[in-house]
Protein backbone atom coordinates (compact mmCIF):
# COMPACT_ATOMS: atom_id res chain seq x y z
CA UNK A 1 121.65 118.34 35.88
CA UNK A 2 120.54 120.85 38.52
CA UNK A 3 121.39 118.18 41.10
CA UNK A 4 125.12 118.89 40.63
CA UNK A 5 125.14 122.37 42.23
CA UNK A 6 122.78 121.35 45.04
CA UNK A 7 124.96 118.32 45.81
CA UNK A 8 128.01 120.59 45.86
CA UNK A 9 126.23 122.92 48.29
CA UNK A 10 125.24 120.02 50.57
CA UNK A 11 128.87 118.88 50.73
CA UNK A 12 130.06 122.43 51.45
CA UNK A 13 127.53 122.78 54.27
CA UNK A 14 128.51 119.43 55.80
CA UNK A 15 132.21 120.22 55.55
CA UNK A 16 131.73 123.65 57.12
CA UNK A 17 129.74 122.13 59.98
CA UNK A 18 132.39 119.44 60.57
CA UNK A 19 135.19 122.04 60.67
CA UNK A 20 133.23 124.24 63.08
CA UNK A 21 132.78 121.25 65.38
CA UNK A 22 136.45 120.27 65.15
CA UNK A 23 135.64 116.95 63.49
CA UNK A 24 138.10 115.06 61.33
CA UNK A 25 135.48 113.68 58.96
CA UNK A 26 131.83 113.54 58.01
CA UNK A 27 130.45 110.05 58.60
CA UNK A 28 126.96 110.47 57.12
CA UNK A 29 124.68 113.04 55.53
CA UNK A 30 120.96 112.45 55.84
CA UNK A 31 118.66 114.11 53.32
CA UNK A 32 114.91 114.16 52.90
CA UNK A 33 113.84 114.33 49.25
CA UNK A 34 110.21 114.42 48.19
CA UNK A 35 109.31 112.82 44.87
CA UNK A 36 107.81 116.16 43.76
CA UNK A 37 110.67 118.32 45.10
CA UNK A 38 112.19 118.78 41.67
CA UNK A 39 115.33 116.85 42.68
CA UNK A 40 116.17 113.25 41.86
CA UNK A 41 117.75 111.40 44.77
CA UNK A 42 119.58 108.97 42.49
CA UNK A 43 121.25 111.88 40.67
CA UNK A 44 122.34 113.48 43.94
CA UNK A 45 123.76 110.12 44.98
CA UNK A 46 125.60 109.79 41.67
CA UNK A 47 127.26 113.22 41.96
CA UNK A 48 128.01 112.86 45.66
CA UNK A 49 131.02 110.54 45.42
CA UNK A 50 132.57 112.60 42.63
CA UNK A 51 132.15 115.98 44.33
CA UNK A 52 133.05 114.71 47.82
CA UNK A 53 136.45 113.43 46.70
CA UNK A 54 139.22 115.25 48.57
CA UNK A 55 136.85 116.77 51.17
CA UNK A 56 135.91 115.81 54.74
CA UNK A 57 132.88 114.10 53.16
CA UNK A 58 134.97 111.76 51.00
CA UNK A 59 134.04 108.62 52.93
CA UNK A 60 130.65 109.79 54.14
CA UNK A 61 127.52 107.76 53.58
CA UNK A 62 124.71 109.62 51.87
CA UNK A 63 121.30 108.52 53.14
CA UNK A 64 118.28 109.72 51.21
CA UNK A 65 114.83 109.40 52.74
CA UNK A 66 112.21 109.56 49.99
CA UNK A 67 108.81 111.12 50.63
CA UNK A 68 105.98 110.03 48.38
CA UNK A 69 103.33 112.62 47.50
CA UNK A 70 99.98 112.40 49.25
CA UNK A 71 96.54 113.78 48.58
CA UNK A 72 94.10 114.90 51.25
CA UNK A 73 90.47 113.87 51.00
CA UNK A 74 88.10 116.84 50.94
CA UNK A 75 85.37 114.70 52.56
CA UNK A 76 87.01 112.74 55.39
CA UNK A 77 90.36 114.55 55.71
CA UNK A 78 92.52 111.42 55.38
CA UNK A 79 95.86 111.56 53.57
CA UNK A 80 96.54 108.94 50.91
CA UNK A 81 98.81 108.10 47.99
CA UNK A 82 97.21 108.67 44.63
CA UNK A 83 96.48 105.64 42.49
CA UNK A 84 97.08 105.94 38.74
CA UNK A 85 94.35 107.89 36.93
CA UNK A 86 92.38 108.50 40.13
CA UNK A 87 91.97 111.11 42.87
CA UNK A 88 89.46 108.93 44.73
CA UNK A 89 89.94 108.49 48.48
CA UNK A 90 90.38 104.79 49.36
CA UNK A 91 88.69 105.39 52.73
CA UNK A 92 85.43 107.13 51.81
CA UNK A 93 85.48 107.45 47.98
CA UNK A 94 85.66 111.25 48.29
CA UNK A 95 87.84 113.49 46.16
CA UNK A 96 91.52 114.01 47.00
CA UNK A 97 93.32 117.32 46.59
CA UNK A 98 97.07 118.00 46.33
CA UNK A 99 99.11 118.77 49.45
CA UNK A 100 102.68 119.85 50.16
CA UNK A 101 103.58 116.28 51.16
CA UNK A 102 106.15 115.02 48.68
CA UNK A 103 107.69 118.44 47.93
CA UNK A 104 110.18 118.29 50.81
CA UNK A 105 113.87 118.83 50.27
CA UNK A 106 116.11 119.41 53.25
CA UNK A 107 119.27 118.35 55.05
CA UNK A 108 117.98 116.34 58.00
CA UNK A 109 121.28 115.74 59.82
CA UNK A 110 125.04 115.49 59.54
CA UNK A 111 126.98 112.84 61.44
CA UNK A 112 130.60 113.66 62.18
CA UNK A 113 133.62 111.99 63.76
C-alpha cells in the first residue's frame, strides 16, 4: 500500500513540471523500478489511473522499466542474475555477492505536450 503515496507524489511532480513548462498535458511518465527497490511496479500502475484523474496526467501513459537484481562475481568481476538457490557465477563458477543493481527507483523522464 506504500505505492499509493509515491504514485501521488510522482503525479504531483509531473504536473508541476508540465505547468512550469506551459504544457497543456503530460503525455508520458517514465519510471525505473528495481525489483528490490521496495516498490511494486504493478501497484504503481494500478493506482496511477485513479490518482491521475482530473489532473494534467489524466491521459498520460505510465512506462515502467524494470531492473532485475544482479550479483557481482568476486573472482572474475562479471555481473549476473542469480539463479534459484545459487550464488555461483555462470562465467567462472566463482561466488557472487550482492550489488545495488535492482534497487533503483527514480523518475527517468516526463513527456509533455
